[in-house]
PDB file of N, CA and C in Angstrom:
ATOM      1  N   UNK A   1     -12.574   2.885 126.213  1.00  0.00           N
ATOM      2  CA  UNK A   1     -13.110   2.047 125.149  1.00  0.00           C
ATOM      3  C   UNK A   1     -14.638   2.064 125.258  1.00  0.00           C
ATOM      4  N   UNK A   2     -15.316   2.315 124.153  1.00  0.00           N
ATOM      5  CA  UNK A   2     -16.776   2.346 124.150  1.00  0.00           C
ATOM      6  C   UNK A   2     -17.330   0.937 124.062  1.00  0.00           C
ATOM      7  N   UNK A   3     -18.626   0.806 124.262  1.00  0.00           N
ATOM      8  CA  UNK A   3     -19.282  -0.495 124.143  1.00  0.00           C
ATOM      9  C   UNK A   3     -19.084  -1.038 122.733  1.00  0.00           C
ATOM     10  N   UNK A   4     -19.222  -0.167 121.725  1.00  0.00           N
ATOM     11  CA  UNK A   4     -19.015  -0.579 120.334  1.00  0.00           C
ATOM     12  C   UNK A   4     -17.598  -1.109 120.145  1.00  0.00           C
ATOM     13  N   UNK A   5     -16.596  -0.427 120.706  1.00  0.00           N
ATOM     14  CA  UNK A   5     -15.210  -0.861 120.574  1.00  0.00           C
ATOM     15  C   UNK A   5     -14.988  -2.211 121.243  1.00  0.00           C
ATOM     16  N   UNK A   6     -15.586  -2.420 122.416  1.00  0.00           N
ATOM     17  CA  UNK A   6     -15.456  -3.692 123.112  1.00  0.00           C
ATOM     18  C   UNK A   6     -16.097  -4.809 122.296  1.00  0.00           C
ATOM     19  N   UNK A   7     -17.265  -4.536 121.714  1.00  0.00           N
ATOM     20  CA  UNK A   7     -17.946  -5.533 120.893  1.00  0.00           C
ATOM     21  C   UNK A   7     -17.097  -5.884 119.686  1.00  0.00           C
ATOM     22  N   UNK A   8     -16.541  -4.904 119.021  1.00  0.00           N
ATOM     23  CA  UNK A   8     -15.715  -5.131 117.845  1.00  0.00           C
ATOM     24  C   UNK A   8     -14.465  -5.916 118.217  1.00  0.00           C
ATOM     25  N   UNK A   9     -13.875  -5.607 119.360  1.00  0.00           N
ATOM     26  CA  UNK A   9     -12.672  -6.317 119.775  1.00  0.00           C
ATOM     27  C   UNK A   9     -12.960  -7.803 119.965  1.00  0.00           C
ATOM     28  N   UNK A  10     -14.133  -8.142 120.463  1.00  0.00           N
ATOM     29  CA  UNK A  10     -14.494  -9.544 120.669  1.00  0.00           C
ATOM     30  C   UNK A  10     -14.812 -10.247 119.358  1.00  0.00           C
ATOM     31  N   UNK A  11     -15.608  -9.609 118.494  1.00  0.00           N
ATOM     32  CA  UNK A  11     -16.116 -10.287 117.300  1.00  0.00           C
ATOM     33  C   UNK A  11     -15.247 -10.079 116.080  1.00  0.00           C
ATOM     34  N   UNK A  12     -14.563  -8.945 116.015  1.00  0.00           N
ATOM     35  CA  UNK A  12     -13.788  -8.647 114.835  1.00  0.00           C
ATOM     36  C   UNK A  12     -14.616  -8.028 113.723  1.00  0.00           C
ATOM     37  N   UNK A  13     -15.933  -8.156 113.781  1.00  0.00           N
ATOM     38  CA  UNK A  13     -16.818  -7.611 112.755  1.00  0.00           C
ATOM     39  C   UNK A  13     -17.439  -6.326 113.271  1.00  0.00           C
ATOM     40  N   UNK A  14     -17.617  -5.373 112.361  1.00  0.00           N
ATOM     41  CA  UNK A  14     -18.300  -4.123 112.685  1.00  0.00           C
ATOM     42  C   UNK A  14     -19.599  -4.105 111.898  1.00  0.00           C
ATOM     43  N   UNK A  15     -20.699  -3.898 112.570  1.00  0.00           N
ATOM     44  CA  UNK A  15     -22.012  -3.774 111.932  1.00  0.00           C
ATOM     45  C   UNK A  15     -22.416  -2.311 112.040  1.00  0.00           C
ATOM     46  N   UNK A  16     -22.583  -1.650 110.889  1.00  0.00           N
ATOM     47  CA  UNK A  16     -22.945  -0.227 110.921  1.00  0.00           C
ATOM     48  C   UNK A  16     -24.362  -0.062 111.454  1.00  0.00           C
ATOM     49  N   UNK A  17     -24.691   1.166 111.831  1.00  0.00           N
ATOM     50  CA  UNK A  17     -26.043   1.460 112.312  1.00  0.00           C
ATOM     51  C   UNK A  17     -27.082   1.152 111.240  1.00  0.00           C
ATOM     52  N   UNK A  18     -26.756   1.467 109.975  1.00  0.00           N
ATOM     53  CA  UNK A  18     -27.692   1.208 108.878  1.00  0.00           C
ATOM     54  C   UNK A  18     -27.942  -0.287 108.717  1.00  0.00           C
ATOM     55  N   UNK A  19     -26.886  -1.081 108.805  1.00  0.00           N
ATOM     56  CA  UNK A  19     -27.027  -2.536 108.688  1.00  0.00           C
ATOM     57  C   UNK A  19     -27.804  -3.099 109.870  1.00  0.00           C
ATOM     58  N   UNK A  20     -27.510  -2.620 111.078  1.00  0.00           N
ATOM     59  CA  UNK A  20     -28.227  -3.093 112.266  1.00  0.00           C
ATOM     60  C   UNK A  20     -29.715  -2.774 112.163  1.00  0.00           C
ATOM     61  N   UNK A  21     -30.042  -1.577 111.682  1.00  0.00           N
ATOM     62  CA  UNK A  21     -31.448  -1.180 111.534  1.00  0.00           C
ATOM     63  C   UNK A  21     -32.151  -2.064 110.503  1.00  0.00           C
ATOM     64  N   UNK A  22     -31.484  -2.384 109.403  1.00  0.00           N
ATOM     65  CA  UNK A  22     -32.080  -3.239 108.378  1.00  0.00           C
ATOM     66  C   UNK A  22     -32.297  -4.648 108.907  1.00  0.00           C
ATOM     67  N   UNK A  23     -31.310  -5.196 109.597  1.00  0.00           N
ATOM     68  CA  UNK A  23     -31.444  -6.538 110.176  1.00  0.00           C
ATOM     69  C   UNK A  23     -32.588  -6.557 111.178  1.00  0.00           C
ATOM     70  N   UNK A  24     -32.641  -5.541 112.034  1.00  0.00           N
ATOM     71  CA  UNK A  24     -33.710  -5.468 113.031  1.00  0.00           C
ATOM     72  C   UNK A  24     -35.071  -5.421 112.352  1.00  0.00           C
ATOM     73  N   UNK A  25     -35.193  -4.644 111.284  1.00  0.00           N
ATOM     74  CA  UNK A  25     -36.453  -4.548 110.539  1.00  0.00           C
ATOM     75  C   UNK A  25     -36.850  -5.870 109.910  1.00  0.00           C
ATOM     76  N   UNK A  26     -35.882  -6.588 109.340  1.00  0.00           N
ATOM     77  CA  UNK A  26     -36.169  -7.890 108.732  1.00  0.00           C
ATOM     78  C   UNK A  26     -36.622  -8.899 109.780  1.00  0.00           C
ATOM     79  N   UNK A  27     -35.977  -8.877 110.939  1.00  0.00           N
ATOM     80  CA  UNK A  27     -36.376  -9.791 112.011  1.00  0.00           C
ATOM     81  C   UNK A  27     -37.773  -9.472 112.526  1.00  0.00           C
ATOM     82  N   UNK A  28     -38.106  -8.187 112.602  1.00  0.00           N
ATOM     83  CA  UNK A  28     -39.453  -7.790 113.022  1.00  0.00           C
ATOM     84  C   UNK A  28     -40.495  -8.253 112.016  1.00  0.00           C
ATOM     85  N   UNK A  29     -40.177  -8.161 110.722  1.00  0.00           N
ATOM     86  CA  UNK A  29     -41.089  -8.641 109.680  1.00  0.00           C
ATOM     87  C   UNK A  29     -41.344 -10.135 109.818  1.00  0.00           C
ATOM     88  N   UNK A  30     -40.301 -10.873 110.190  1.00  0.00           N
ATOM     89  CA  UNK A  30     -40.421 -12.321 110.364  1.00  0.00           C
ATOM     90  C   UNK A  30     -41.107 -12.678 111.679  1.00  0.00           C
ATOM     91  N   UNK A  31     -41.184 -11.714 112.590  1.00  0.00           N
ATOM     92  CA  UNK A  31     -41.766 -11.990 113.896  1.00  0.00           C
ATOM     93  C   UNK A  31     -40.880 -12.883 114.742  1.00  0.00           C
ATOM     94  N   UNK A  32     -39.579 -12.799 114.523  1.00  0.00           N
ATOM     95  CA  UNK A  32     -38.633 -13.653 115.252  1.00  0.00           C
ATOM     96  C   UNK A  32     -37.650 -12.782 116.029  1.00  0.00           C
ATOM     97  N   UNK A  33     -37.440 -13.135 117.270  1.00  0.00           N
ATOM     98  CA  UNK A  33     -36.429 -12.439 118.056  1.00  0.00           C
ATOM     99  C   UNK A  33     -35.364 -13.428 118.550  1.00  0.00           C
ATOM    100  N   UNK A  34     -35.431 -14.662 118.049  1.00  0.00           N
ATOM    101  CA  UNK A  34     -34.491 -15.693 118.461  1.00  0.00           C
ATOM    102  C   UNK A  34     -33.406 -15.949 117.424  1.00  0.00           C
ATOM    103  N   UNK A  35     -33.372 -15.151 116.373  1.00  0.00           N
ATOM    104  CA  UNK A  35     -32.406 -15.358 115.300  1.00  0.00           C
ATOM    105  C   UNK A  35     -31.247 -14.377 115.401  1.00  0.00           C
ATOM    106  N   UNK A  36     -30.097 -14.828 114.946  1.00  0.00           N
ATOM    107  CA  UNK A  36     -28.913 -13.972 114.867  1.00  0.00           C
ATOM    108  C   UNK A  36     -28.508 -13.856 113.405  1.00  0.00           C
ATOM    109  N   UNK A  37     -27.811 -12.790 113.076  1.00  0.00           N
ATOM    110  CA  UNK A  37     -27.224 -12.646 111.749  1.00  0.00           C
ATOM    111  C   UNK A  37     -25.902 -13.392 111.767  1.00  0.00           C
ATOM    112  N   UNK A  38     -25.820 -14.457 110.979  1.00  0.00           N
ATOM    113  CA  UNK A  38     -24.573 -15.211 110.886  1.00  0.00           C
ATOM    114  C   UNK A  38     -23.799 -14.712 109.677  1.00  0.00           C
ATOM    115  N   UNK A  39     -22.542 -14.346 109.904  1.00  0.00           N
ATOM    116  CA  UNK A  39     -21.639 -13.916 108.839  1.00  0.00           C
ATOM    117  C   UNK A  39     -20.561 -14.990 108.750  1.00  0.00           C
ATOM    118  N   UNK A  40     -20.443 -15.584 107.560  1.00  0.00           N
ATOM    119  CA  UNK A  40     -19.511 -16.692 107.390  1.00  0.00           C
ATOM    120  C   UNK A  40     -18.736 -16.542 106.091  1.00  0.00           C
ATOM    121  N   UNK A  41     -17.673 -17.296 105.995  1.00  0.00           N
ATOM    122  CA  UNK A  41     -16.862 -17.378 104.791  1.00  0.00           C
ATOM    123  C   UNK A  41     -16.850 -18.840 104.375  1.00  0.00           C
ATOM    124  N   UNK A  42     -17.133 -19.089 103.096  1.00  0.00           N
ATOM    125  CA  UNK A  42     -17.154 -20.449 102.556  1.00  0.00           C
ATOM    126  C   UNK A  42     -16.284 -20.499 101.305  1.00  0.00           C
ATOM    127  N   UNK A  43     -15.714 -21.672 101.006  1.00  0.00           N
ATOM    128  CA  UNK A  43     -14.986 -21.807  99.745  1.00  0.00           C
ATOM    129  C   UNK A  43     -15.944 -21.611  98.570  1.00  0.00           C
ATOM    130  N   UNK A  44     -15.468 -20.945  97.522  1.00  0.00           N
ATOM    131  CA  UNK A  44     -16.291 -20.770  96.329  1.00  0.00           C
ATOM    132  C   UNK A  44     -16.074 -19.429  95.673  1.00  0.00           C
ATOM    133  N   UNK A  45     -16.804 -19.205  94.603  1.00  0.00           N
ATOM    134  CA  UNK A  45     -16.687 -17.953  93.865  1.00  0.00           C
ATOM    135  C   UNK A  45     -15.450 -17.920  92.993  1.00  0.00           C
ATOM    136  N   UNK A  46     -15.317 -16.886  92.202  1.00  0.00           N
ATOM    137  CA  UNK A  46     -14.197 -16.757  91.255  1.00  0.00           C
ATOM    138  C   UNK A  46     -12.862 -16.566  91.969  1.00  0.00           C
ATOM    139  N   UNK A  47     -12.883 -15.946  93.134  1.00  0.00           N
ATOM    140  CA  UNK A  47     -11.628 -15.603  93.812  1.00  0.00           C
ATOM    141  C   UNK A  47     -11.235 -16.576  94.916  1.00  0.00           C
ATOM    142  N   UNK A  48     -12.066 -17.577  95.182  1.00  0.00           N
ATOM    143  CA  UNK A  48     -11.686 -18.598  96.153  1.00  0.00           C
ATOM    144  C   UNK A  48     -12.540 -18.662  97.406  1.00  0.00           C
ATOM    145  N   UNK A  49     -12.987 -17.513  97.908  1.00  0.00           N
ATOM    146  CA  UNK A  49     -13.814 -17.479  99.117  1.00  0.00           C
ATOM    147  C   UNK A  49     -15.048 -16.630  98.868  1.00  0.00           C
ATOM    148  N   UNK A  50     -16.137 -16.998  99.498  1.00  0.00           N
ATOM    149  CA  UNK A  50     -17.405 -16.286  99.314  1.00  0.00           C
ATOM    150  C   UNK A  50     -18.015 -15.979 100.685  1.00  0.00           C
ATOM    151  N   UNK A  51     -18.587 -14.781 100.796  1.00  0.00           N
ATOM    152  CA  UNK A  51     -19.288 -14.386 102.021  1.00  0.00           C
ATOM    153  C   UNK A  51     -20.675 -15.011 102.051  1.00  0.00           C
ATOM    154  N   UNK A  52     -21.129 -15.325 103.252  1.00  0.00           N
ATOM    155  CA  UNK A  52     -22.509 -15.742 103.458  1.00  0.00           C
ATOM    156  C   UNK A  52     -23.067 -14.951 104.627  1.00  0.00           C
ATOM    157  N   UNK A  53     -24.252 -14.371 104.422  1.00  0.00           N
ATOM    158  CA  UNK A  53     -24.988 -13.701 105.482  1.00  0.00           C
ATOM    159  C   UNK A  53     -26.363 -14.338 105.523  1.00  0.00           C
ATOM    160  N   UNK A  54     -26.763 -14.823 106.679  1.00  0.00           N
ATOM    161  CA  UNK A  54     -28.082 -15.418 106.810  1.00  0.00           C
ATOM    162  C   UNK A  54     -28.502 -15.417 108.274  1.00  0.00           C
ATOM    163  N   UNK A  55     -29.807 -15.563 108.480  1.00  0.00           N
ATOM    164  CA  UNK A  55     -30.329 -15.645 109.839  1.00  0.00           C
ATOM    165  C   UNK A  55     -30.198 -17.073 110.330  1.00  0.00           C
ATOM    166  N   UNK A  56     -29.792 -17.217 111.575  1.00  0.00           N
ATOM    167  CA  UNK A  56     -29.538 -18.540 112.129  1.00  0.00           C
ATOM    168  C   UNK A  56     -30.015 -18.604 113.569  1.00  0.00           C
ATOM    169  N   UNK A  57     -30.617 -19.715 113.913  1.00  0.00           N
ATOM    170  CA  UNK A  57     -31.050 -19.914 115.297  1.00  0.00           C
ATOM    171  C   UNK A  57     -30.094 -20.831 116.047  1.00  0.00           C
ATOM    172  N   UNK A  58     -29.138 -21.404 115.313  1.00  0.00           N
ATOM    173  CA  UNK A  58     -28.191 -22.335 115.924  1.00  0.00           C
ATOM    174  C   UNK A  58     -27.083 -21.605 116.675  1.00  0.00           C
ATOM    175  N   UNK A  59     -26.511 -22.330 117.612  1.00  0.00           N
ATOM    176  CA  UNK A  59     -25.321 -21.871 118.315  1.00  0.00           C
ATOM    177  C   UNK A  59     -24.284 -22.966 118.155  1.00  0.00           C
ATOM    178  N   UNK A  60     -23.205 -22.662 117.442  1.00  0.00           N
ATOM    179  CA  UNK A  60     -22.174 -23.656 117.159  1.00  0.00           C
ATOM    180  C   UNK A  60     -21.015 -23.511 118.136  1.00  0.00           C
ATOM    181  N   UNK A  61     -20.364 -24.611 118.411  1.00  0.00           N
ATOM    182  CA  UNK A  61     -19.213 -24.607 119.299  1.00  0.00           C
ATOM    183  C   UNK A  61     -18.132 -23.687 118.727  1.00  0.00           C
ATOM    184  N   UNK A  62     -17.664 -22.746 119.518  1.00  0.00           N
ATOM    185  CA  UNK A  62     -16.621 -21.832 119.081  1.00  0.00           C
ATOM    186  C   UNK A  62     -17.121 -20.567 118.411  1.00  0.00           C
ATOM    187  N   UNK A  63     -18.449 -20.384 118.335  1.00  0.00           N
ATOM    188  CA  UNK A  63     -19.001 -19.167 117.739  1.00  0.00           C
ATOM    189  C   UNK A  63     -18.491 -17.926 118.454  1.00  0.00           C
ATOM    190  N   UNK A  64     -18.230 -16.893 117.674  1.00  0.00           N
ATOM    191  CA  UNK A  64     -17.896 -15.574 118.208  1.00  0.00           C
ATOM    192  C   UNK A  64     -19.163 -14.744 118.076  1.00  0.00           C
ATOM    193  N   UNK A  65     -19.647 -14.204 119.199  1.00  0.00           N
ATOM    194  CA  UNK A  65     -20.934 -13.501 119.226  1.00  0.00           C
ATOM    195  C   UNK A  65     -20.720 -12.051 119.628  1.00  0.00           C
ATOM    196  N   UNK A  66     -21.421 -11.155 118.941  1.00  0.00           N
ATOM    197  CA  UNK A  66     -21.378  -9.727 119.276  1.00  0.00           C
ATOM    198  C   UNK A  66     -22.790  -9.168 119.201  1.00  0.00           C
ATOM    199  N   UNK A  67     -23.037  -8.096 119.921  1.00  0.00           N
ATOM    200  CA  UNK A  67     -24.343  -7.453 119.916  1.00  0.00           C
ATOM    201  C   UNK A  67     -24.181  -6.009 119.459  1.00  0.00           C
ATOM    202  N   UNK A  68     -24.997  -5.629 118.487  1.00  0.00           N
ATOM    203  CA  UNK A  68     -24.983  -4.263 117.961  1.00  0.00           C
ATOM    204  C   UNK A  68     -26.383  -3.698 118.085  1.00  0.00           C
ATOM    205  N   UNK A  69     -26.641  -2.977 119.158  1.00  0.00           N
ATOM    206  CA  UNK A  69     -27.953  -2.354 119.357  1.00  0.00           C
ATOM    207  C   UNK A  69     -29.095  -3.351 119.369  1.00  0.00           C
ATOM    208  N   UNK A  70     -28.881  -4.507 119.969  1.00  0.00           N
ATOM    209  CA  UNK A  70     -29.926  -5.520 120.034  1.00  0.00           C
ATOM    210  C   UNK A  70     -29.899  -6.511 118.890  1.00  0.00           C
ATOM    211  N   UNK A  71     -28.997  -6.333 117.944  1.00  0.00           N
ATOM    212  CA  UNK A  71     -28.842  -7.276 116.832  1.00  0.00           C
ATOM    213  C   UNK A  71     -27.647  -8.171 117.148  1.00  0.00           C
ATOM    214  N   UNK A  72     -27.915  -9.468 117.242  1.00  0.00           N
ATOM    215  CA  UNK A  72     -26.864 -10.431 117.545  1.00  0.00           C
ATOM    216  C   UNK A  72     -26.189 -10.863 116.240  1.00  0.00           C
ATOM    217  N   UNK A  73     -24.859 -10.729 116.197  1.00  0.00           N
ATOM    218  CA  UNK A  73     -24.061 -11.135 115.035  1.00  0.00           C
ATOM    219  C   UNK A  73     -23.173 -12.289 115.472  1.00  0.00           C
ATOM    220  N   UNK A  74     -23.200 -13.358 114.683  1.00  0.00           N
ATOM    221  CA  UNK A  74     -22.480 -14.577 115.021  1.00  0.00           C
ATOM    222  C   UNK A  74     -21.524 -14.935 113.879  1.00  0.00           C
ATOM    223  N   UNK A  75     -20.320 -15.343 114.241  1.00  0.00           N
ATOM    224  CA  UNK A  75     -19.329 -15.809 113.274  1.00  0.00           C
ATOM    225  C   UNK A  75     -18.760 -17.124 113.785  1.00  0.00           C
ATOM    226  N   UNK A  76     -18.667 -18.112 112.900  1.00  0.00           N
ATOM    227  CA  UNK A  76     -18.090 -19.386 113.334  1.00  0.00           C
ATOM    228  C   UNK A  76     -16.581 -19.235 113.471  1.00  0.00           C
ATOM    229  N   UNK A  77     -15.982 -20.125 114.220  1.00  0.00           N
ATOM    230  CA  UNK A  77     -14.557 -19.988 114.538  1.00  0.00           C
ATOM    231  C   UNK A  77     -13.651 -20.122 113.321  1.00  0.00           C
ATOM    232  N   UNK A  78     -14.103 -20.816 112.281  1.00  0.00           N
ATOM    233  CA  UNK A  78     -13.282 -20.953 111.074  1.00  0.00           C
ATOM    234  C   UNK A  78     -13.317 -19.673 110.230  1.00  0.00           C
ATOM    235  N   UNK A  79     -14.438 -18.953 110.256  1.00  0.00           N
ATOM    236  CA  UNK A  79     -14.584 -17.729 109.464  1.00  0.00           C
ATOM    237  C   UNK A  79     -13.994 -16.509 110.156  1.00  0.00           C
ATOM    238  N   UNK A  80     -13.948 -16.524 111.475  1.00  0.00           N
ATOM    239  CA  UNK A  80     -13.531 -15.343 112.245  1.00  0.00           C
ATOM    240  C   UNK A  80     -12.186 -14.757 111.805  1.00  0.00           C
ATOM    241  N   UNK A  81     -11.144 -15.564 111.551  1.00  0.00           N
ATOM    242  CA  UNK A  81      -9.871 -14.967 111.131  1.00  0.00           C
ATOM    243  C   UNK A  81      -9.946 -14.209 109.803  1.00  0.00           C
ATOM    244  N   UNK A  82     -10.848 -14.619 108.924  1.00  0.00           N
ATOM    245  CA  UNK A  82     -11.001 -13.957 107.626  1.00  0.00           C
ATOM    246  C   UNK A  82     -11.804 -12.657 107.741  1.00  0.00           C
ATOM    247  N   UNK A  83     -12.524 -12.492 108.844  1.00  0.00           N
ATOM    248  CA  UNK A  83     -13.463 -11.370 108.971  1.00  0.00           C
ATOM    249  C   UNK A  83     -13.048 -10.331 110.007  1.00  0.00           C
ATOM    250  N   UNK A  84     -11.881 -10.476 110.601  1.00  0.00           N
ATOM    251  CA  UNK A  84     -11.423  -9.516 111.600  1.00  0.00           C
ATOM    252  C   UNK A  84     -11.311  -8.114 111.014  1.00  0.00           C
ATOM    253  N   UNK A  85     -12.033  -7.168 111.574  1.00  0.00           N
ATOM    254  CA  UNK A  85     -11.999  -5.788 111.099  1.00  0.00           C
ATOM    255  C   UNK A  85     -12.936  -5.501 109.943  1.00  0.00           C
ATOM    256  N   UNK A  86     -13.671  -6.508 109.475  1.00  0.00           N
ATOM    257  CA  UNK A  86     -14.602  -6.306 108.358  1.00  0.00           C
ATOM    258  C   UNK A  86     -15.815  -5.498 108.814  1.00  0.00           C
ATOM    259  N   UNK A  87     -16.293  -4.624 107.935  1.00  0.00           N
ATOM    260  CA  UNK A  87     -17.462  -3.801 108.209  1.00  0.00           C
ATOM    261  C   UNK A  87     -18.623  -4.249 107.333  1.00  0.00           C
ATOM    262  N   UNK A  88     -19.731  -4.603 107.975  1.00  0.00           N
ATOM    263  CA  UNK A  88     -20.950  -4.962 107.253  1.00  0.00           C
ATOM    264  C   UNK A  88     -21.848  -3.735 107.263  1.00  0.00           C
ATOM    265  N   UNK A  89     -22.252  -3.294 106.080  1.00  0.00           N
ATOM    266  CA  UNK A  89     -23.093  -2.105 105.933  1.00  0.00           C
ATOM    267  C   UNK A  89     -24.311  -2.466 105.090  1.00  0.00           C
ATOM    268  N   UNK A  90     -25.302  -1.587 105.098  1.00  0.00           N
ATOM    269  CA  UNK A  90     -26.460  -1.738 104.223  1.00  0.00           C
ATOM    270  C   UNK A  90     -26.598  -0.456 103.428  1.00  0.00           C
ATOM    271  N   UNK A  91     -26.653  -0.599 102.098  1.00  0.00           N
ATOM    272  CA  UNK A  91     -26.823   0.564 101.237  1.00  0.00           C
ATOM    273  C   UNK A  91     -28.166   0.465 100.519  1.00  0.00           C
ATOM    274  N   UNK A  92     -28.784   1.610 100.329  1.00  0.00           N
ATOM    275  CA  UNK A  92     -30.070   1.675  99.627  1.00  0.00           C
ATOM    276  C   UNK A  92     -30.061   2.933  98.766  1.00  0.00           C
ATOM    277  N   UNK A  93     -29.551   2.770  97.545  1.00  0.00           N
ATOM    278  CA  UNK A  93     -29.487   3.877  96.608  1.00  0.00           C
ATOM    279  C   UNK A  93     -30.191   3.475  95.324  1.00  0.00           C
ATOM    280  N   UNK A  94     -30.287   4.391  94.395  1.00  0.00           N
ATOM    281  CA  UNK A  94     -30.908   4.094  93.106  1.00  0.00           C
ATOM    282  C   UNK A  94     -30.076   3.073  92.324  1.00  0.00           C
ATOM    283  N   UNK A  95     -28.771   3.035  92.583  1.00  0.00           N
ATOM    284  CA  UNK A  95     -27.882   2.125  91.875  1.00  0.00           C
ATOM    285  C   UNK A  95     -27.756   0.754  92.517  1.00  0.00           C
ATOM    286  N   UNK A  96     -27.906   0.692  93.840  1.00  0.00           N
ATOM    287  CA  UNK A  96     -27.631  -0.554  94.547  1.00  0.00           C
ATOM    288  C   UNK A  96     -28.415  -0.624  95.844  1.00  0.00           C
ATOM    289  N   UNK A  97     -28.887  -1.826  96.162  1.00  0.00           N
ATOM    290  CA  UNK A  97     -29.517  -2.046  97.452  1.00  0.00           C
ATOM    291  C   UNK A  97     -29.038  -3.384  97.989  1.00  0.00           C
ATOM    292  N   UNK A  98     -28.611  -3.385  99.222  1.00  0.00           N
ATOM    293  CA  UNK A  98     -28.206  -4.638  99.848  1.00  0.00           C
ATOM    294  C   UNK A  98     -27.081  -4.451 100.841  1.00  0.00           C
ATOM    295  N   UNK A  99     -26.685  -5.562 101.409  1.00  0.00           N
ATOM    296  CA  UNK A  99     -25.600  -5.564 102.376  1.00  0.00           C
ATOM    297  C   UNK A  99     -24.264  -5.582 101.638  1.00  0.00           C
ATOM    298  N   UNK A 100     -23.304  -4.859 102.176  1.00  0.00           N
ATOM    299  CA  UNK A 100     -21.958  -4.845 101.626  1.00  0.00           C
ATOM    300  C   UNK A 100     -20.983  -5.201 102.740  1.00  0.00           C
ATOM    301  N   UNK A 101     -19.849  -5.762 102.353  1.00  0.00           N
ATOM    302  CA  UNK A 101     -18.811  -6.097 103.322  1.00  0.00           C
ATOM    303  C   UNK A 101     -17.508  -5.480 102.848  1.00  0.00           C
ATOM    304  N   UNK A 102     -16.946  -4.638 103.693  1.00  0.00           N
ATOM    305  CA  UNK A 102     -15.638  -4.042 103.434  1.00  0.00           C
ATOM    306  C   UNK A 102     -14.651  -4.780 104.336  1.00  0.00           C
ATOM    307  N   UNK A 103     -13.826  -5.623 103.728  1.00  0.00           N
ATOM    308  CA  UNK A 103     -12.950  -6.504 104.485  1.00  0.00           C
ATOM    309  C   UNK A 103     -11.482  -6.153 104.244  1.00  0.00           C
ATOM    310  N   UNK A 104     -10.792  -5.666 105.274  1.00  0.00           N
ATOM    311  CA  UNK A 104      -9.369  -5.327 105.107  1.00  0.00           C
ATOM    312  C   UNK A 104      -8.484  -6.552 104.897  1.00  0.00           C
ATOM    313  N   UNK A 105      -8.998  -7.743 105.154  1.00  0.00           N
ATOM    314  CA  UNK A 105      -8.220  -8.976 104.988  1.00  0.00           C
ATOM    315  C   UNK A 105      -8.233  -9.488 103.555  1.00  0.00           C
ATOM    316  N   UNK A 106      -9.157  -8.995 102.744  1.00  0.00           N
ATOM    317  CA  UNK A 106      -9.260  -9.456 101.362  1.00  0.00           C
ATOM    318  C   UNK A 106      -8.125  -8.849 100.540  1.00  0.00           C
ATOM    319  N   UNK A 107      -7.354  -9.703  99.898  1.00  0.00           N
ATOM    320  CA  UNK A 107      -6.246  -9.224  99.070  1.00  0.00           C
ATOM    321  C   UNK A 107      -6.671  -9.035  97.622  1.00  0.00           C
ATOM    322  N   UNK A 108      -7.806  -9.600  97.250  1.00  0.00           N
ATOM    323  CA  UNK A 108      -8.330  -9.453  95.900  1.00  0.00           C
ATOM    324  C   UNK A 108      -9.783  -9.863  95.877  1.00  0.00           C
ATOM    325  N   UNK A 109     -10.504  -9.431  94.853  1.00  0.00           N
ATOM    326  CA  UNK A 109     -11.903  -9.833  94.719  1.00  0.00           C
ATOM    327  C   UNK A 109     -12.241  -9.929  93.244  1.00  0.00           C
ATOM    328  N   UNK A 110     -13.372 -10.578  92.975  1.00  0.00           N
ATOM    329  CA  UNK A 110     -13.797 -10.712  91.579  1.00  0.00           C
ATOM    330  C   UNK A 110     -14.578  -9.475  91.176  1.00  0.00           C
ATOM    331  N   UNK A 111     -14.874  -9.347  89.905  1.00  0.00           N
ATOM    332  CA  UNK A 111     -15.577  -8.174  89.389  1.00  0.00           C
ATOM    333  C   UNK A 111     -16.979  -8.032  89.968  1.00  0.00           C
ATOM    334  N   UNK A 112     -17.625  -9.139  90.261  1.00  0.00           N
ATOM    335  CA  UNK A 112     -19.002  -9.075  90.778  1.00  0.00           C
ATOM    336  C   UNK A 112     -19.022  -8.705  92.260  1.00  0.00           C
ATOM    337  N   UNK A 113     -17.888  -8.857  92.944  1.00  0.00           N
ATOM    338  CA  UNK A 113     -17.802  -8.489  94.352  1.00  0.00           C
ATOM    339  C   UNK A 113     -18.350  -9.535  95.300  1.00  0.00           C
ATOM    340  N   UNK A 114     -18.731 -10.711  94.782  1.00  0.00           N
ATOM    341  CA  UNK A 114     -19.296 -11.752  95.636  1.00  0.00           C
ATOM    342  C   UNK A 114     -18.244 -12.649  96.270  1.00  0.00           C
ATOM    343  N   UNK A 115     -17.026 -12.619  95.765  1.00  0.00           N
ATOM    344  CA  UNK A 115     -16.005 -13.473  96.350  1.00  0.00           C
ATOM    345  C   UNK A 115     -14.711 -12.691  96.504  1.00  0.00           C
ATOM    346  N   UNK A 116     -13.797 -13.278  97.306  1.00  0.00           N
ATOM    347  CA  UNK A 116     -12.535 -12.594  97.595  1.00  0.00           C
ATOM    348  C   UNK A 116     -11.451 -13.629  97.837  1.00  0.00           C
ATOM    349  N   UNK A 117     -10.243 -13.148  97.914  1.00  0.00           N
ATOM    350  CA  UNK A 117      -9.111 -14.024  98.250  1.00  0.00           C
ATOM    351  C   UNK A 117      -8.290 -13.366  99.350  1.00  0.00           C
TER     352      UNK A 117
END
């Protein structure tokens, strides 16, 4: 088992190299090395659940933490079951720029792609 595989087994989330590089670049721009990328699921959106990605300095009880090349990814214990096996990527094309989440647990999503069920 590789380090990446061990990290994924603990966190359930996979952060691609492109996403890790983008997060690292954003943190460098902010001049902060104490922040983690928090990936969460909240009620809302057309399909019932909505993803949230944001930088967080907090450590919550029950957080699942993983490290991807120096980028700390944190998931709260309530969101972790919804995100097991999900891949967070960063795309930068002429058509689209931003973070994407490919979640095998999602049974449906809305047309805008911001929420899932």
